[in-house]
Amino acid sequence: LVKTHPGLVWVTITGHGISGNAAHWTGFGDDAAVAAGLSAAYYNATGEVGLVGDAIADPLSGIYAARMAYDQFRSGHAARMIFSMSAVVKEAMDFESDALPGRLRQWAGSC
């Protein structure tokens, strides 16, 4: 369908990708964030062990995938787009790398 219908966009969201050993793991928002390194970043920023957000990877990945799919749809070119929740969290962490430690300390102070 993707090849034969101009502009059709097919989106796949997984916990940890479609190849390699992690592709067979069940993915939930919390474990995807841990796999991306968010809990390690939290520990490094605060000295505390814990999760950041509640299933943060789920809504973050959905919003990101929807935005990317919309952009692809508007291009008029068919595509299958594959997103990994752990990769989306990692990309968000990289994007916010300068501000992340302070935000994590702020998060810890609000809990």
Protein backbone atom coordinates (compact mmCIF):
# COMPACT_ATOMS: atom_id res chain seq x y z
CA LEU A 1 0.00 0.00 0.00
CA VAL A 2 2.76 2.43 0.89
CA LYS A 3 4.45 1.95 -2.50
CA THR A 4 1.25 2.20 -4.54
CA HIS A 5 -0.55 5.08 -2.80
CA PRO A 6 1.23 8.42 -3.04
CA GLY A 7 1.37 10.13 0.33
CA LEU A 8 0.33 7.12 2.41
CA VAL A 9 2.33 7.06 5.63
CA TRP A 10 2.55 3.92 7.74
CA VAL A 11 3.84 4.41 11.29
CA THR A 12 5.29 1.70 13.50
CA ILE A 13 6.15 2.41 17.13
CA THR A 14 8.06 -0.20 19.10
CA GLY A 15 9.58 -0.27 22.54
CA HIS A 16 13.15 -0.86 21.44
CA GLY A 17 13.36 -1.17 17.65
CA ILE A 18 12.71 -3.81 15.00
CA SER A 19 16.11 -5.49 14.87
CA GLY A 20 18.61 -6.92 17.30
CA ASN A 21 17.93 -8.61 20.62
CA ALA A 22 16.03 -5.64 22.03
CA ALA A 23 13.47 -5.93 19.21
CA HIS A 24 11.98 -8.89 21.07
CA TRP A 25 11.57 -7.03 24.34
CA THR A 26 8.16 -5.84 25.43
CA GLY A 27 8.25 -2.07 25.62
CA PHE A 28 6.49 0.13 28.15
CA GLY A 29 7.06 3.82 28.67
CA ASP A 30 9.00 3.40 31.90
CA ASP A 31 11.39 0.69 30.69
CA ALA A 32 11.94 2.45 27.38
CA ALA A 33 12.98 5.59 29.28
CA VAL A 34 15.31 3.54 31.48
CA ALA A 35 16.83 1.88 28.39
CA ALA A 36 17.42 5.33 26.89
CA GLY A 37 19.36 6.38 29.98
CA LEU A 38 16.85 8.71 31.62
CA SER A 39 17.06 7.02 35.03
CA ALA A 40 20.86 7.08 34.86
CA ALA A 41 20.73 10.80 34.04
CA TYR A 42 18.37 11.30 36.99
CA TYR A 43 20.79 9.49 39.29
CA ASN A 44 23.74 11.49 37.98
CA ALA A 45 21.88 14.77 38.52
CA THR A 46 20.37 14.01 41.93
CA GLY A 47 22.15 11.05 43.49
CA GLU A 48 18.77 9.36 43.84
CA VAL A 49 17.51 6.20 42.16
CA GLY A 50 14.14 6.57 40.52
CA LEU A 51 11.96 6.91 37.45
CA VAL A 52 11.34 10.24 35.79
CA GLY A 53 7.77 10.86 34.71
CA ASP A 54 5.11 8.21 34.43
CA ALA A 55 5.57 6.23 31.23
CA ILE A 56 7.14 9.34 29.68
CA ALA A 57 8.20 7.50 26.54
CA ASP A 58 4.61 6.70 25.54
CA PRO A 59 3.26 10.23 25.02
CA LEU A 60 6.63 11.58 23.88
CA SER A 61 6.90 8.91 21.18
CA GLY A 62 3.31 9.35 20.07
CA ILE A 63 3.66 13.11 19.68
CA TYR A 64 7.01 12.78 17.93
CA ALA A 65 5.76 10.07 15.55
CA ALA A 66 2.60 12.03 14.75
CA ARG A 67 4.63 15.13 13.92
CA MET A 68 7.09 13.22 11.73
CA ALA A 69 4.25 11.36 9.99
CA TYR A 70 2.42 14.62 9.31
CA ASP A 71 5.54 16.16 7.80
CA GLN A 72 6.02 13.06 5.66
CA PHE A 73 2.36 13.11 4.58
CA ARG A 74 2.63 16.76 3.57
CA SER A 75 5.65 15.90 1.40
CA GLY A 76 3.36 13.74 -0.75
CA HIS A 77 5.75 10.78 -0.64
CA ALA A 78 4.67 7.42 0.71
CA ALA A 79 6.74 6.00 3.55
CA ARG A 80 6.89 3.51 6.35
CA MET A 81 8.25 5.28 9.40
CA ILE A 82 9.58 3.25 12.32
CA PHE A 83 10.07 4.75 15.77
CA SER A 84 11.50 3.18 18.89
CA MET A 85 10.29 4.64 22.19
CA SER A 86 13.73 4.24 23.74
CA ALA A 87 15.36 5.99 20.76
CA VAL A 88 12.85 8.86 20.90
CA VAL A 89 13.61 9.40 24.61
CA LYS A 90 17.35 9.28 23.90
CA GLU A 91 16.96 11.85 21.12
CA ALA A 92 14.94 14.13 23.43
CA MET A 93 17.61 13.77 26.12
CA ASP A 94 20.34 14.65 23.62
CA PHE A 95 18.34 17.66 22.42
CA GLU A 96 17.96 18.90 26.01
CA SER A 97 21.42 17.84 27.19
CA ASP A 98 22.43 21.25 28.57
CA ALA A 99 19.22 21.83 30.53
CA LEU A 100 18.49 18.22 31.48
CA PRO A 101 20.42 17.95 34.78
CA GLY A 102 18.75 21.07 36.18
CA ARG A 103 15.32 19.92 35.08
CA LEU A 104 15.88 16.53 36.68
CA ARG A 105 16.93 18.18 39.94
CA GLN A 106 13.78 20.30 39.74
CA TRP A 107 11.72 17.13 39.12
CA ALA A 108 13.30 15.51 42.19
CA GLY A 109 12.41 18.54 44.30
CA SER A 110 8.75 18.37 43.28
CA CYS A 111 8.28 14.71 44.23
